[in-house]
């Protein structure tokens, strides 16, 4: 079974704000990401997936700052931490939420993009679990890969899939059995594009 990781292109009439990045020492850009967990993922699974997803970016000198996870059952908080602007949102969708719209067959992730990028991506969590089970992966491993992949779509220009590496368009379950998440990475061109985009924003702030 082919597992596409889809990208949704929104109409040109919908304006998507540019990414906001924050700099640390050595001008290492920081992007702040919040996960909305509508799928009821085990907290330890999500925490470990976020940690692994962040390693794909630390390898290219980009830091991911994970905001506290939110969801429909999360307590309503009005503290400063939760009111801070988020650069990106990753929505983990439940089975019932996925059923409300027509997703590409086999898709387990999707990013919403406009001409200047995007802010929101989705993970179809029940499909992801099925794919992970078929490939012999742990849920947290495949979740980390999909989060990192979709986040990259929000940072890269449209048409940013590659033939191999983290940004390949899709995998067969049989192919997933042949390698491990730790063997995936951004290509040099993808790294340059991500760094350039974030660097431009940091320089302008």
C-alpha atoms as a PDB file:
ATOM      1  CA  UNK A   1       0.000   0.000   0.000  1.00  0.00           C
ATOM      2  CA  UNK A   2       1.334   3.394  -0.970  1.00  0.00           C
ATOM      3  CA  UNK A   3       1.250   5.965   1.844  1.00  0.00           C
ATOM      4  CA  UNK A   4       1.114   9.461   0.382  1.00  0.00           C
ATOM      5  CA  UNK A   5       1.797  12.446   2.606  1.00  0.00           C
ATOM      6  CA  UNK A   6      -0.375  15.027   0.921  1.00  0.00           C
ATOM      7  CA  UNK A   7      -0.193  18.774   0.494  1.00  0.00           C
ATOM      8  CA  UNK A   8      -3.374  20.794   0.127  1.00  0.00           C
ATOM      9  CA  UNK A   9      -3.023  23.932  -1.984  1.00  0.00           C
ATOM     10  CA  UNK A  10      -5.398  26.701  -0.978  1.00  0.00           C
ATOM     11  CA  UNK A  11      -6.728  29.249  -3.438  1.00  0.00           C
ATOM     12  CA  UNK A  12      -4.674  32.302  -4.327  1.00  0.00           C
ATOM     13  CA  UNK A  13      -7.403  34.516  -2.897  1.00  0.00           C
ATOM     14  CA  UNK A  14      -6.671  33.259   0.619  1.00  0.00           C
ATOM     15  CA  UNK A  15      -3.781  35.127   2.154  1.00  0.00           C
ATOM     16  CA  UNK A  16      -1.448  33.200   4.443  1.00  0.00           C
ATOM     17  CA  UNK A  17       0.749  35.274   6.711  1.00  0.00           C
ATOM     18  CA  UNK A  18       4.498  34.748   6.562  1.00  0.00           C
ATOM     19  CA  UNK A  19       6.245  32.567   9.103  1.00  0.00           C
ATOM     20  CA  UNK A  20       7.412  34.167  12.333  1.00  0.00           C
ATOM     21  CA  UNK A  21      10.811  33.067  13.569  1.00  0.00           C
ATOM     22  CA  UNK A  22      12.728  34.001  16.676  1.00  0.00           C
ATOM     23  CA  UNK A  23      16.485  34.087  17.001  1.00  0.00           C
ATOM     24  CA  UNK A  24      18.741  32.802  19.736  1.00  0.00           C
ATOM     25  CA  UNK A  25      22.463  33.184  20.120  1.00  0.00           C
ATOM     26  CA  UNK A  26      24.395  32.389  16.938  1.00  0.00           C
ATOM     27  CA  UNK A  27      21.251  33.383  15.004  1.00  0.00           C
ATOM     28  CA  UNK A  28      19.792  29.903  15.347  1.00  0.00           C
ATOM     29  CA  UNK A  29      16.166  30.371  14.285  1.00  0.00           C
ATOM     30  CA  UNK A  30      13.430  29.138  16.561  1.00  0.00           C
ATOM     31  CA  UNK A  31       9.974  28.204  15.331  1.00  0.00           C
ATOM     32  CA  UNK A  32       7.168  27.772  17.821  1.00  0.00           C
ATOM     33  CA  UNK A  33       4.785  24.908  17.140  1.00  0.00           C
ATOM     34  CA  UNK A  34       1.624  23.915  18.942  1.00  0.00           C
ATOM     35  CA  UNK A  35      -0.001  20.514  18.595  1.00  0.00           C
ATOM     36  CA  UNK A  36      -3.755  20.193  18.961  1.00  0.00           C
ATOM     37  CA  UNK A  37      -4.437  16.603  19.925  1.00  0.00           C
ATOM     38  CA  UNK A  38      -7.949  15.628  18.893  1.00  0.00           C
ATOM     39  CA  UNK A  39      -6.984  11.959  18.567  1.00  0.00           C
ATOM     40  CA  UNK A  40      -6.282  11.251  22.218  1.00  0.00           C
ATOM     41  CA  UNK A  41      -2.649  10.257  21.687  1.00  0.00           C
ATOM     42  CA  UNK A  42      -0.896   8.792  24.726  1.00  0.00           C
ATOM     43  CA  UNK A  43       1.015  11.774  26.201  1.00  0.00           C
ATOM     44  CA  UNK A  44       4.316   9.896  26.345  1.00  0.00           C
ATOM     45  CA  UNK A  45       3.957   8.890  22.690  1.00  0.00           C
ATOM     46  CA  UNK A  46       3.378  12.484  21.620  1.00  0.00           C
ATOM     47  CA  UNK A  47       6.188  13.866  23.771  1.00  0.00           C
ATOM     48  CA  UNK A  48       8.687  11.373  22.363  1.00  0.00           C
ATOM     49  CA  UNK A  49       7.466  12.004  18.806  1.00  0.00           C
ATOM     50  CA  UNK A  50       7.968  15.739  19.266  1.00  0.00           C
ATOM     51  CA  UNK A  51      11.464  15.141  20.590  1.00  0.00           C
ATOM     52  CA  UNK A  52      12.413  12.991  17.593  1.00  0.00           C
ATOM     53  CA  UNK A  53      10.763  15.394  15.128  1.00  0.00           C
ATOM     54  CA  UNK A  54      12.841  18.231  16.563  1.00  0.00           C
ATOM     55  CA  UNK A  55      16.076  16.322  15.874  1.00  0.00           C
ATOM     56  CA  UNK A  56      15.490  16.598  12.115  1.00  0.00           C
ATOM     57  CA  UNK A  57      15.598  20.370  12.562  1.00  0.00           C
ATOM     58  CA  UNK A  58      18.400  20.572  15.110  1.00  0.00           C
ATOM     59  CA  UNK A  59      20.501  18.755  12.489  1.00  0.00           C
ATOM     60  CA  UNK A  60      20.112  21.833  10.267  1.00  0.00           C
ATOM     61  CA  UNK A  61      20.499  24.354  13.135  1.00  0.00           C
ATOM     62  CA  UNK A  62      16.813  25.135  13.567  1.00  0.00           C
ATOM     63  CA  UNK A  63      15.207  24.878  17.002  1.00  0.00           C
ATOM     64  CA  UNK A  64      11.619  23.763  17.500  1.00  0.00           C
ATOM     65  CA  UNK A  65       9.931  25.307  20.529  1.00  0.00           C
ATOM     66  CA  UNK A  66       6.925  23.142  21.360  1.00  0.00           C
ATOM     67  CA  UNK A  67       4.062  25.058  22.935  1.00  0.00           C
ATOM     68  CA  UNK A  68       1.901  23.150  25.421  1.00  0.00           C
ATOM     69  CA  UNK A  69      -0.302  20.630  23.656  1.00  0.00           C
ATOM     70  CA  UNK A  70      -3.957  21.576  23.439  1.00  0.00           C
ATOM     71  CA  UNK A  71      -7.108  19.637  22.677  1.00  0.00           C
ATOM     72  CA  UNK A  72     -10.842  19.530  23.234  1.00  0.00           C
ATOM     73  CA  UNK A  73     -10.404  18.106  26.735  1.00  0.00           C
ATOM     74  CA  UNK A  74      -7.546  20.389  27.743  1.00  0.00           C
ATOM     75  CA  UNK A  75      -8.274  22.856  30.565  1.00  0.00           C
ATOM     76  CA  UNK A  76      -9.024  26.381  29.409  1.00  0.00           C
ATOM     77  CA  UNK A  77      -6.006  28.438  30.413  1.00  0.00           C
ATOM     78  CA  UNK A  78      -5.487  32.143  29.918  1.00  0.00           C
ATOM     79  CA  UNK A  79      -1.897  32.388  31.098  1.00  0.00           C
ATOM     80  CA  UNK A  80       0.850  34.095  29.158  1.00  0.00           C
ATOM     81  CA  UNK A  81       2.329  30.827  27.945  1.00  0.00           C
ATOM     82  CA  UNK A  82      -0.831  29.782  26.139  1.00  0.00           C
ATOM     83  CA  UNK A  83      -1.606  33.220  24.745  1.00  0.00           C
ATOM     84  CA  UNK A  84       1.727  33.528  22.936  1.00  0.00           C
ATOM     85  CA  UNK A  85       1.559  33.598  19.165  1.00  0.00           C
ATOM     86  CA  UNK A  86       2.245  30.243  17.538  1.00  0.00           C
ATOM     87  CA  UNK A  87       4.115  30.057  14.275  1.00  0.00           C
ATOM     88  CA  UNK A  88       2.589  26.729  13.237  1.00  0.00           C
ATOM     89  CA  UNK A  89      -0.219  24.423  14.274  1.00  0.00           C
ATOM     90  CA  UNK A  90      -0.213  20.641  13.854  1.00  0.00           C
ATOM     91  CA  UNK A  91      -3.667  19.081  14.261  1.00  0.00           C
ATOM     92  CA  UNK A  92      -3.832  15.395  15.153  1.00  0.00           C
ATOM     93  CA  UNK A  93      -7.228  14.319  13.845  1.00  0.00           C
ATOM     94  CA  UNK A  94      -9.434  11.596  15.268  1.00  0.00           C
ATOM     95  CA  UNK A  95     -11.065   8.961  13.103  1.00  0.00           C
ATOM     96  CA  UNK A  96     -14.419  10.768  13.199  1.00  0.00           C
ATOM     97  CA  UNK A  97     -12.813  14.068  12.166  1.00  0.00           C
ATOM     98  CA  UNK A  98     -11.047  12.398   9.244  1.00  0.00           C
ATOM     99  CA  UNK A  99     -14.356  10.913   8.111  1.00  0.00           C
ATOM    100  CA  UNK A 100     -15.893  14.373   7.679  1.00  0.00           C
ATOM    101  CA  UNK A 101     -13.966  15.157   4.506  1.00  0.00           C
ATOM    102  CA  UNK A 102     -12.506  13.428   1.476  1.00  0.00           C
ATOM    103  CA  UNK A 103      -8.785  12.942   2.055  1.00  0.00           C
ATOM    104  CA  UNK A 104      -6.546  11.394  -0.614  1.00  0.00           C
ATOM    105  CA  UNK A 105      -6.604   7.590  -0.344  1.00  0.00           C
ATOM    106  CA  UNK A 106      -3.917   6.404   2.026  1.00  0.00           C
ATOM    107  CA  UNK A 107      -2.838   9.909   3.078  1.00  0.00           C
ATOM    108  CA  UNK A 108      -1.640  10.146   6.677  1.00  0.00           C
ATOM    109  CA  UNK A 109      -0.598  13.797   6.712  1.00  0.00           C
ATOM    110  CA  UNK A 110      -1.391  17.031   4.929  1.00  0.00           C
ATOM    111  CA  UNK A 111      -0.260  20.667   4.963  1.00  0.00           C
ATOM    112  CA  UNK A 112      -2.368  23.621   3.876  1.00  0.00           C
ATOM    113  CA  UNK A 113      -0.289  25.878   1.654  1.00  0.00           C
ATOM    114  CA  UNK A 114      -0.721  29.150  -0.163  1.00  0.00           C
ATOM    115  CA  UNK A 115       1.686  31.028  -2.450  1.00  0.00           C
ATOM    116  CA  UNK A 116       3.791  32.150   0.528  1.00  0.00           C
ATOM    117  CA  UNK A 117       3.660  29.005   2.608  1.00  0.00           C
ATOM    118  CA  UNK A 118       1.240  28.043   5.339  1.00  0.00           C
ATOM    119  CA  UNK A 119       0.608  27.741   9.040  1.00  0.00           C
ATOM    120  CA  UNK A 120      -1.490  24.607   9.555  1.00  0.00           C
ATOM    121  CA  UNK A 121      -0.896  20.899   8.978  1.00  0.00           C
ATOM    122  CA  UNK A 122      -2.855  17.771   9.798  1.00  0.00           C
ATOM    123  CA  UNK A 123      -2.007  14.229  10.844  1.00  0.00           C
ATOM    124  CA  UNK A 124      -4.636  11.538  10.261  1.00  0.00           C
ATOM    125  CA  UNK A 125      -3.764   9.611  13.357  1.00  0.00           C
ATOM    126  CA  UNK A 126      -5.764   6.399  12.977  1.00  0.00           C
ATOM    127  CA  UNK A 127      -4.396   5.934   9.468  1.00  0.00           C
ATOM    128  CA  UNK A 128      -0.915   6.616  10.821  1.00  0.00           C
ATOM    129  CA  UNK A 129      -1.314   3.916  13.472  1.00  0.00           C
ATOM    130  CA  UNK A 130      -2.451   1.405  10.851  1.00  0.00           C
ATOM    131  CA  UNK A 131       0.538   2.240   8.638  1.00  0.00           C
ATOM    132  CA  UNK A 132       2.960   1.999  11.564  1.00  0.00           C
ATOM    133  CA  UNK A 133       1.582  -1.403  12.547  1.00  0.00           C
ATOM    134  CA  UNK A 134       1.873  -2.681   8.985  1.00  0.00           C
ATOM    135  CA  UNK A 135       5.459  -1.476   8.706  1.00  0.00           C
ATOM    136  CA  UNK A 136       6.598  -2.708  12.106  1.00  0.00           C
ATOM    137  CA  UNK A 137       7.257   0.837  13.350  1.00  0.00           C
ATOM    138  CA  UNK A 138       6.255   2.286  16.685  1.00  0.00           C
ATOM    139  CA  UNK A 139       3.507   4.897  16.496  1.00  0.00           C
ATOM    140  CA  UNK A 140       5.821   7.542  17.934  1.00  0.00           C
ATOM    141  CA  UNK A 141       8.444   6.929  15.220  1.00  0.00           C
ATOM    142  CA  UNK A 142       6.073   7.412  12.315  1.00  0.00           C
ATOM    143  CA  UNK A 143       4.336  10.308  14.075  1.00  0.00           C
ATOM    144  CA  UNK A 144       7.703  12.051  14.443  1.00  0.00           C
ATOM    145  CA  UNK A 145       8.464  11.604  10.745  1.00  0.00           C
ATOM    146  CA  UNK A 146       5.051  12.850   9.623  1.00  0.00           C
ATOM    147  CA  UNK A 147       5.129  15.894  11.935  1.00  0.00           C
ATOM    148  CA  UNK A 148       8.619  16.818  10.734  1.00  0.00           C
ATOM    149  CA  UNK A 149       7.608  16.264   7.092  1.00  0.00           C
ATOM    150  CA  UNK A 150       4.443  18.367   7.280  1.00  0.00           C
ATOM    151  CA  UNK A 151       6.156  21.140   9.234  1.00  0.00           C
ATOM    152  CA  UNK A 152       8.773  21.294   6.485  1.00  0.00           C
ATOM    153  CA  UNK A 153       6.027  21.790   3.896  1.00  0.00           C
ATOM    154  CA  UNK A 154       4.995  24.890   5.843  1.00  0.00           C
ATOM    155  CA  UNK A 155       8.572  26.178   5.559  1.00  0.00           C
ATOM    156  CA  UNK A 156       9.453  25.101   2.026  1.00  0.00           C
ATOM    157  CA  UNK A 157       8.074  26.302  -1.331  1.00  0.00           C
ATOM    158  CA  UNK A 158       5.267  24.296  -2.988  1.00  0.00           C
ATOM    159  CA  UNK A 159       6.465  21.205  -4.815  1.00  0.00           C
ATOM    160  CA  UNK A 160       9.124  20.456  -2.223  1.00  0.00           C
ATOM    161  CA  UNK A 161       8.885  16.670  -2.266  1.00  0.00           C
ATOM    162  CA  UNK A 162      12.044  14.729  -3.120  1.00  0.00           C
ATOM    163  CA  UNK A 163      12.813  11.211  -4.322  1.00  0.00           C
ATOM    164  CA  UNK A 164      14.335  10.193  -1.016  1.00  0.00           C
ATOM    165  CA  UNK A 165      15.008  11.450   2.494  1.00  0.00           C
ATOM    166  CA  UNK A 166      12.539  13.027   4.885  1.00  0.00           C
ATOM    167  CA  UNK A 167      10.633  14.850   2.142  1.00  0.00           C
ATOM    168  CA  UNK A 168       9.945  11.940  -0.166  1.00  0.00           C
ATOM    169  CA  UNK A 169       6.353  11.964  -1.395  1.00  0.00           C
ATOM    170  CA  UNK A 170       5.272   8.647   0.027  1.00  0.00           C
ATOM    171  CA  UNK A 171       6.351   5.239   1.167  1.00  0.00           C
ATOM    172  CA  UNK A 172       5.154   1.716   0.627  1.00  0.00           C
ATOM    173  CA  UNK A 173       4.669  -0.166   3.862  1.00  0.00           C
ATOM    174  CA  UNK A 174       7.240  -2.640   2.509  1.00  0.00           C
ATOM    175  CA  UNK A 175       9.688   0.232   2.024  1.00  0.00           C
ATOM    176  CA  UNK A 176       9.163   1.468   5.570  1.00  0.00           C
ATOM    177  CA  UNK A 177      10.222  -1.949   6.809  1.00  0.00           C
ATOM    178  CA  UNK A 178      13.622  -1.473   5.141  1.00  0.00           C
ATOM    179  CA  UNK A 179      14.788   1.611   7.001  1.00  0.00           C
ATOM    180  CA  UNK A 180      14.469   3.499  10.283  1.00  0.00           C
ATOM    181  CA  UNK A 181      13.340   7.041  11.042  1.00  0.00           C
ATOM    182  CA  UNK A 182      16.879   7.966  12.103  1.00  0.00           C
ATOM    183  CA  UNK A 183      18.116   7.347   8.550  1.00  0.00           C
ATOM    184  CA  UNK A 184      15.945  10.151   7.137  1.00  0.00           C
ATOM    185  CA  UNK A 185      17.123  13.747   6.722  1.00  0.00           C
ATOM    186  CA  UNK A 186      16.657  16.917   4.710  1.00  0.00           C
ATOM    187  CA  UNK A 187      18.613  17.223   1.479  1.00  0.00           C
ATOM    188  CA  UNK A 188      21.219  20.014   1.238  1.00  0.00           C
ATOM    189  CA  UNK A 189      18.887  22.007  -1.050  1.00  0.00           C
ATOM    190  CA  UNK A 190      15.979  21.676   1.386  1.00  0.00           C
ATOM    191  CA  UNK A 191      18.232  22.689   4.259  1.00  0.00           C
ATOM    192  CA  UNK A 192      19.362  25.795   2.386  1.00  0.00           C
ATOM    193  CA  UNK A 193      15.775  26.789   1.557  1.00  0.00           C
ATOM    194  CA  UNK A 194      14.569  26.390   5.145  1.00  0.00           C
ATOM    195  CA  UNK A 195      17.551  28.247   6.583  1.00  0.00           C
ATOM    196  CA  UNK A 196      17.248  31.028   4.012  1.00  0.00           C
ATOM    197  CA  UNK A 197      13.566  31.562   4.683  1.00  0.00           C
ATOM    198  CA  UNK A 198      13.991  31.655   8.439  1.00  0.00           C
ATOM    199  CA  UNK A 199      17.139  33.750   8.160  1.00  0.00           C
ATOM    200  CA  UNK A 200      15.351  36.398   6.138  1.00  0.00           C
ATOM    201  CA  UNK A 201      12.655  36.733   8.757  1.00  0.00           C
ATOM    202  CA  UNK A 202      15.113  36.819  11.669  1.00  0.00           C
ATOM    203  CA  UNK A 203      17.133  39.535   9.920  1.00  0.00           C
ATOM    204  CA  UNK A 204      14.014  41.630   9.429  1.00  0.00           C
ATOM    205  CA  UNK A 205      12.935  41.560  13.060  1.00  0.00           C
END
